[in-house]
PDB file of N, CA and C in Angstrom:
ATOM      1  N   UNK A   1       0.849  -1.189   0.000  1.00  0.00           N
ATOM      2  CA  UNK A   1       0.000   0.000   0.000  1.00  0.00           C
ATOM      3  C   UNK A   1       0.890   1.247   0.000  1.00  0.00           C
ATOM      4  N   UNK A   2       0.432   2.240  -0.682  1.00  0.00           N
ATOM      5  CA  UNK A   2       1.166   3.501  -0.679  1.00  0.00           C
ATOM      6  C   UNK A   2       0.808   4.278   0.588  1.00  0.00           C
ATOM      7  N   UNK A   3       1.545   5.309   0.842  1.00  0.00           N
ATOM      8  CA  UNK A   3       1.316   6.129   2.038  1.00  0.00           C
ATOM      9  C   UNK A   3      -0.072   6.767   1.997  1.00  0.00           C
ATOM     10  N   UNK A   4      -0.494   7.215   0.830  1.00  0.00           N
ATOM     11  CA  UNK A   4      -1.827   7.831   0.716  1.00  0.00           C
ATOM     12  C   UNK A   4      -2.936   6.808   0.969  1.00  0.00           C
ATOM     13  N   UNK A   5      -2.736   5.574   0.494  1.00  0.00           N
ATOM     14  CA  UNK A   5      -3.730   4.528   0.742  1.00  0.00           C
ATOM     15  C   UNK A   5      -3.831   4.224   2.238  1.00  0.00           C
ATOM     16  N   UNK A   6      -2.665   4.178   2.910  1.00  0.00           N
ATOM     17  CA  UNK A   6      -2.660   3.920   4.347  1.00  0.00           C
ATOM     18  C   UNK A   6      -3.363   5.039   5.107  1.00  0.00           C
ATOM     19  N   UNK A   7      -3.077   6.303   4.726  1.00  0.00           N
ATOM     20  CA  UNK A   7      -3.739   7.435   5.380  1.00  0.00           C
ATOM     21  C   UNK A   7      -5.250   7.382   5.174  1.00  0.00           C
ATOM     22  N   UNK A   8      -5.665   7.043   3.984  1.00  0.00           N
ATOM     23  CA  UNK A   8      -7.099   6.941   3.695  1.00  0.00           C
ATOM     24  C   UNK A   8      -7.759   5.848   4.507  1.00  0.00           C
ATOM     25  N   UNK A   9      -7.089   4.700   4.591  1.00  0.00           N
ATOM     26  CA  UNK A   9      -7.621   3.580   5.366  1.00  0.00           C
ATOM     27  C   UNK A   9      -7.725   3.946   6.838  1.00  0.00           C
ATOM     28  N   UNK A  10      -6.661   4.552   7.383  1.00  0.00           N
ATOM     29  CA  UNK A  10      -6.687   4.943   8.791  1.00  0.00           C
ATOM     30  C   UNK A  10      -7.753   6.002   9.053  1.00  0.00           C
ATOM     31  N   UNK A  11      -7.978   6.888   8.116  1.00  0.00           N
ATOM     32  CA  UNK A  11      -9.039   7.887   8.246  1.00  0.00           C
ATOM     33  C   UNK A  11     -10.407   7.222   8.307  1.00  0.00           C
ATOM     34  N   UNK A  12     -10.611   6.207   7.449  1.00  0.00           N
ATOM     35  CA  UNK A  12     -11.882   5.470   7.471  1.00  0.00           C
ATOM     36  C   UNK A  12     -12.086   4.753   8.801  1.00  0.00           C
ATOM     37  N   UNK A  13     -11.019   4.137   9.305  1.00  0.00           N
ATOM     38  CA  UNK A  13     -11.097   3.433  10.590  1.00  0.00           C
ATOM     39  C   UNK A  13     -11.416   4.423  11.705  1.00  0.00           C
ATOM     40  N   UNK A  14     -10.769   5.579  11.675  1.00  0.00           N
ATOM     41  CA  UNK A  14     -10.989   6.603  12.702  1.00  0.00           C
ATOM     42  C   UNK A  14     -12.437   7.096  12.675  1.00  0.00           C
ATOM     43  N   UNK A  15     -12.977   7.353  11.494  1.00  0.00           N
ATOM     44  CA  UNK A  15     -14.371   7.804  11.390  1.00  0.00           C
ATOM     45  C   UNK A  15     -15.333   6.736  11.895  1.00  0.00           C
ATOM     46  N   UNK A  16     -15.047   5.480  11.576  1.00  0.00           N
ATOM     47  CA  UNK A  16     -15.909   4.392  12.041  1.00  0.00           C
ATOM     48  C   UNK A  16     -15.854   4.279  13.567  1.00  0.00           C
ATOM     49  N   UNK A  17     -14.660   4.425  14.135  1.00  0.00           N
ATOM     50  CA  UNK A  17     -14.524   4.337  15.593  1.00  0.00           C
ATOM     51  C   UNK A  17     -15.271   5.479  16.265  1.00  0.00           C
ATOM     52  N   UNK A  18     -15.155   6.697  15.754  1.00  0.00           N
ATOM     53  CA  UNK A  18     -15.888   7.831  16.329  1.00  0.00           C
ATOM     54  C   UNK A  18     -17.396   7.624  16.227  1.00  0.00           C
ATOM     55  N   UNK A  19     -17.842   7.084  15.102  1.00  0.00           N
ATOM     56  CA  UNK A  19     -19.271   6.842  14.917  1.00  0.00           C
ATOM     57  C   UNK A  19     -19.793   5.809  15.917  1.00  0.00           C
ATOM     58  N   UNK A  20     -19.052   4.738  16.102  1.00  0.00           N
ATOM     59  CA  UNK A  20     -19.446   3.696  17.062  1.00  0.00           C
ATOM     60  C   UNK A  20     -19.440   4.261  18.478  1.00  0.00           C
ATOM     61  N   UNK A  21     -18.408   5.021  18.809  1.00  0.00           N
ATOM     62  CA  UNK A  21     -18.317   5.628  20.132  1.00  0.00           C
ATOM     63  C   UNK A  21     -19.497   6.563  20.368  1.00  0.00           C
ATOM     64  N   UNK A  22     -19.851   7.349  19.392  1.00  0.00           N
ATOM     65  CA  UNK A  22     -20.967   8.292  19.524  1.00  0.00           C
ATOM     66  C   UNK A  22     -22.272   7.532  19.777  1.00  0.00           C
ATOM     67  N   UNK A  23     -22.499   6.454  19.030  1.00  0.00           N
ATOM     68  CA  UNK A  23     -23.717   5.651  19.214  1.00  0.00           C
ATOM     69  C   UNK A  23     -23.780   5.040  20.611  1.00  0.00           C
ATOM     70  N   UNK A  24     -22.670   4.530  21.096  1.00  0.00           N
ATOM     71  CA  UNK A  24     -22.645   3.913  22.422  1.00  0.00           C
ATOM     72  C   UNK A  24     -22.886   4.959  23.503  1.00  0.00           C
ATOM     73  N   UNK A  25     -22.225   6.108  23.396  1.00  0.00           N
ATOM     74  CA  UNK A  25     -22.425   7.173  24.380  1.00  0.00           C
ATOM     75  C   UNK A  25     -23.881   7.634  24.397  1.00  0.00           C
ATOM     76  N   UNK A  26     -24.494   7.766  23.235  1.00  0.00           N
ATOM     77  CA  UNK A  26     -25.897   8.178  23.150  1.00  0.00           C
ATOM     78  C   UNK A  26     -26.791   7.134  23.798  1.00  0.00           C
ATOM     79  N   UNK A  27     -26.514   5.859  23.580  1.00  0.00           N
ATOM     80  CA  UNK A  27     -27.312   4.788  24.172  1.00  0.00           C
ATOM     81  C   UNK A  27     -27.205   4.823  25.691  1.00  0.00           C
ATOM     82  N   UNK A  28     -25.995   4.983  26.229  1.00  0.00           N
ATOM     83  CA  UNK A  28     -25.830   5.072  27.681  1.00  0.00           C
ATOM     84  C   UNK A  28     -26.538   6.290  28.243  1.00  0.00           C
ATOM     85  N   UNK A  29     -26.474   7.417  27.553  1.00  0.00           N
ATOM     86  CA  UNK A  29     -27.140   8.632  28.010  1.00  0.00           C
ATOM     87  C   UNK A  29     -28.660   8.420  28.047  1.00  0.00           C
ATOM     88  N   UNK A  30     -29.193   7.753  27.037  1.00  0.00           N
ATOM     89  CA  UNK A  30     -30.631   7.459  27.011  1.00  0.00           C
ATOM     90  C   UNK A  30     -31.019   6.529  28.155  1.00  0.00           C
ATOM     91  N   UNK A  31     -30.177   5.529  28.451  1.00  0.00           N
ATOM     92  CA  UNK A  31     -30.472   4.608  29.542  1.00  0.00           C
ATOM     93  C   UNK A  31     -30.449   5.329  30.887  1.00  0.00           C
ATOM     94  N   UNK A  32     -29.492   6.227  31.088  1.00  0.00           N
ATOM     95  CA  UNK A  32     -29.412   6.969  32.346  1.00  0.00           C
ATOM     96  C   UNK A  32     -30.639   7.830  32.555  1.00  0.00           C
ATOM     97  N   UNK A  33     -31.153   8.389  31.486  1.00  0.00           N
ATOM     98  CA  UNK A  33     -32.332   9.242  31.602  1.00  0.00           C
ATOM     99  C   UNK A  33     -33.587   8.413  31.849  1.00  0.00           C
ATOM    100  N   UNK A  34     -33.612   7.172  31.343  1.00  0.00           N
ATOM    101  CA  UNK A  34     -34.794   6.329  31.480  1.00  0.00           C
ATOM    102  C   UNK A  34     -34.899   5.709  32.870  1.00  0.00           C
ATOM    103  N   UNK A  35     -33.795   5.458  33.538  1.00  0.00           N
ATOM    104  CA  UNK A  35     -33.813   4.804  34.846  1.00  0.00           C
ATOM    105  C   UNK A  35     -34.029   5.853  35.920  1.00  0.00           C
ATOM    106  N   UNK A  36     -35.176   5.760  36.595  1.00  0.00           N
ATOM    107  CA  UNK A  36     -35.499   6.680  37.671  1.00  0.00           C
ATOM    108  C   UNK A  36     -36.044   5.875  38.840  1.00  0.00           C
ATOM    109  N   UNK A  37     -35.684   6.236  40.064  1.00  0.00           N
ATOM    110  CA  UNK A  37     -36.197   5.493  41.213  1.00  0.00           C
ATOM    111  C   UNK A  37     -37.696   5.731  41.390  1.00  0.00           C
ATOM    112  N   UNK A  38     -38.360   4.753  41.966  1.00  0.00           N
ATOM    113  CA  UNK A  38     -39.788   4.883  42.236  1.00  0.00           C
ATOM    114  C   UNK A  38     -40.018   5.971  43.271  1.00  0.00           C
ATOM    115  N   UNK A  39     -41.052   6.751  43.077  1.00  0.00           N
ATOM    116  CA  UNK A  39     -41.362   7.816  44.028  1.00  0.00           C
ATOM    117  C   UNK A  39     -41.912   7.263  45.332  1.00  0.00           C
ATOM    118  N   UNK A  40     -42.527   6.096  45.263  1.00  0.00           N
ATOM    119  CA  UNK A  40     -43.187   5.549  46.436  1.00  0.00           C
ATOM    120  C   UNK A  40     -42.345   4.520  47.179  1.00  0.00           C
ATOM    121  N   UNK A  41     -41.116   4.285  46.754  1.00  0.00           N
ATOM    122  CA  UNK A  41     -40.304   3.265  47.413  1.00  0.00           C
ATOM    123  C   UNK A  41     -39.810   3.774  48.761  1.00  0.00           C
ATOM    124  N   UNK A  42     -39.686   2.839  49.688  1.00  0.00           N
ATOM    125  CA  UNK A  42     -39.230   3.167  51.041  1.00  0.00           C
ATOM    126  C   UNK A  42     -37.973   2.352  51.302  1.00  0.00           C
ATOM    127  N   UNK A  43     -36.975   3.011  51.830  1.00  0.00           N
ATOM    128  CA  UNK A  43     -35.731   2.309  52.126  1.00  0.00           C
ATOM    129  C   UNK A  43     -35.958   1.324  53.270  1.00  0.00           C
ATOM    130  N   UNK A  44     -35.309   0.184  53.188  1.00  0.00           N
ATOM    131  CA  UNK A  44     -35.435  -0.833  54.236  1.00  0.00           C
ATOM    132  C   UNK A  44     -34.754  -0.325  55.501  1.00  0.00           C
ATOM    133  N   UNK A  45     -35.372  -0.548  56.674  1.00  0.00           N
ATOM    134  CA  UNK A  45     -34.738  -0.097  57.923  1.00  0.00           C
ATOM    135  C   UNK A  45     -33.481  -0.916  58.207  1.00  0.00           C
ATOM    136  N   UNK A  46     -32.531  -0.275  58.853  1.00  0.00           N
ATOM    137  CA  UNK A  46     -31.299  -0.969  59.215  1.00  0.00           C
ATOM    138  C   UNK A  46     -31.575  -1.891  60.398  1.00  0.00           C
ATOM    139  N   UNK A  47     -30.946  -3.063  60.429  1.00  0.00           N
ATOM    140  CA  UNK A  47     -31.157  -3.961  61.573  1.00  0.00           C
ATOM    141  C   UNK A  47     -30.583  -3.338  62.844  1.00  0.00           C
ATOM    142  N   UNK A  48     -31.284  -3.577  63.948  1.00  0.00           N
ATOM    143  CA  UNK A  48     -30.849  -3.016  65.234  1.00  0.00           C
ATOM    144  C   UNK A  48     -29.607  -3.755  65.709  1.00  0.00           C
ATOM    145  N   UNK A  49     -28.671  -3.006  66.245  1.00  0.00           N
ATOM    146  CA  UNK A  49     -27.444  -3.607  66.765  1.00  0.00           C
ATOM    147  C   UNK A  49     -27.664  -3.999  68.218  1.00  0.00           C
ATOM    148  N   UNK A  50     -27.087  -5.112  68.601  1.00  0.00           N
ATOM    149  CA  UNK A  50     -27.176  -5.561  69.989  1.00  0.00           C
ATOM    150  C   UNK A  50     -26.286  -4.660  70.835  1.00  0.00           C
ATOM    151  N   UNK A  51     -26.771  -4.256  72.015  1.00  0.00           N
ATOM    152  CA  UNK A  51     -25.937  -3.392  72.859  1.00  0.00           C
ATOM    153  C   UNK A  51     -24.720  -4.157  73.357  1.00  0.00           C
ATOM    154  N   UNK A  52     -23.613  -3.455  73.422  1.00  0.00           N
ATOM    155  CA  UNK A  52     -22.377  -4.085  73.890  1.00  0.00           C
ATOM    156  C   UNK A  52     -22.364  -4.105  75.414  1.00  0.00           C
ATOM    157  N   UNK A  53     -21.916  -5.213  75.956  1.00  0.00           N
ATOM    158  CA  UNK A  53     -21.808  -5.332  77.412  1.00  0.00           C
ATOM    159  C   UNK A  53     -20.548  -4.602  77.849  1.00  0.00           C
ATOM    160  N   UNK A  54     -20.692  -3.728  78.850  1.00  0.00           N
ATOM    161  CA  UNK A  54     -19.550  -2.991  79.337  1.00  0.00           C
ATOM    162  C   UNK A  54     -18.860  -3.790  80.419  1.00  0.00           C
ATOM    163  N   UNK A  55     -17.564  -3.847  80.351  1.00  0.00           N
ATOM    164  CA  UNK A  55     -16.773  -4.541  81.359  1.00  0.00           C
ATOM    165  C   UNK A  55     -15.983  -3.477  82.125  1.00  0.00           C
ATOM    166  N   UNK A  56     -15.931  -3.670  83.422  1.00  0.00           N
ATOM    167  CA  UNK A  56     -15.185  -2.713  84.225  1.00  0.00           C
ATOM    168  C   UNK A  56     -13.721  -3.092  84.214  1.00  0.00           C
ATOM    169  N   UNK A  57     -12.891  -2.113  84.072  1.00  0.00           N
ATOM    170  CA  UNK A  57     -11.452  -2.362  84.065  1.00  0.00           C
ATOM    171  C   UNK A  57     -10.923  -2.193  85.476  1.00  0.00           C
ATOM    172  N   UNK A  58     -10.852  -3.292  86.207  1.00  0.00           N
ATOM    173  CA  UNK A  58     -10.309  -3.273  87.569  1.00  0.00           C
ATOM    174  C   UNK A  58      -8.827  -3.562  87.495  1.00  0.00           C
ATOM    175  N   UNK A  59      -8.017  -2.779  88.200  1.00  0.00           N
ATOM    176  CA  UNK A  59      -6.569  -3.042  88.166  1.00  0.00           C
ATOM    177  C   UNK A  59      -6.238  -4.348  88.868  1.00  0.00           C
ATOM    178  N   UNK A  60      -5.366  -5.131  88.260  1.00  0.00           N
ATOM    179  CA  UNK A  60      -4.914  -6.391  88.841  1.00  0.00           C
ATOM    180  C   UNK A  60      -3.714  -6.099  89.748  1.00  0.00           C
ATOM    181  N   UNK A  61      -3.814  -6.513  91.065  1.00  0.00           N
ATOM    182  CA  UNK A  61      -2.693  -6.302  91.990  1.00  0.00           C
ATOM    183  C   UNK A  61      -2.387  -7.558  92.729  1.00  0.00           C
TER     184      UNK A  61
END
């Protein structure tokens, strides 16, 4: 291949890559806009923690 043929081929590859990237970015942007949390959903309560037993620190003599 001549240098001009290589430049033309690489230009075509670059345009195709930009086009694919643009389509993917648009698809992700559309998905982000479509996903919305329910207005009526309630977060689950956190489980209650068991109280820790306190131990007295008596000096050993």
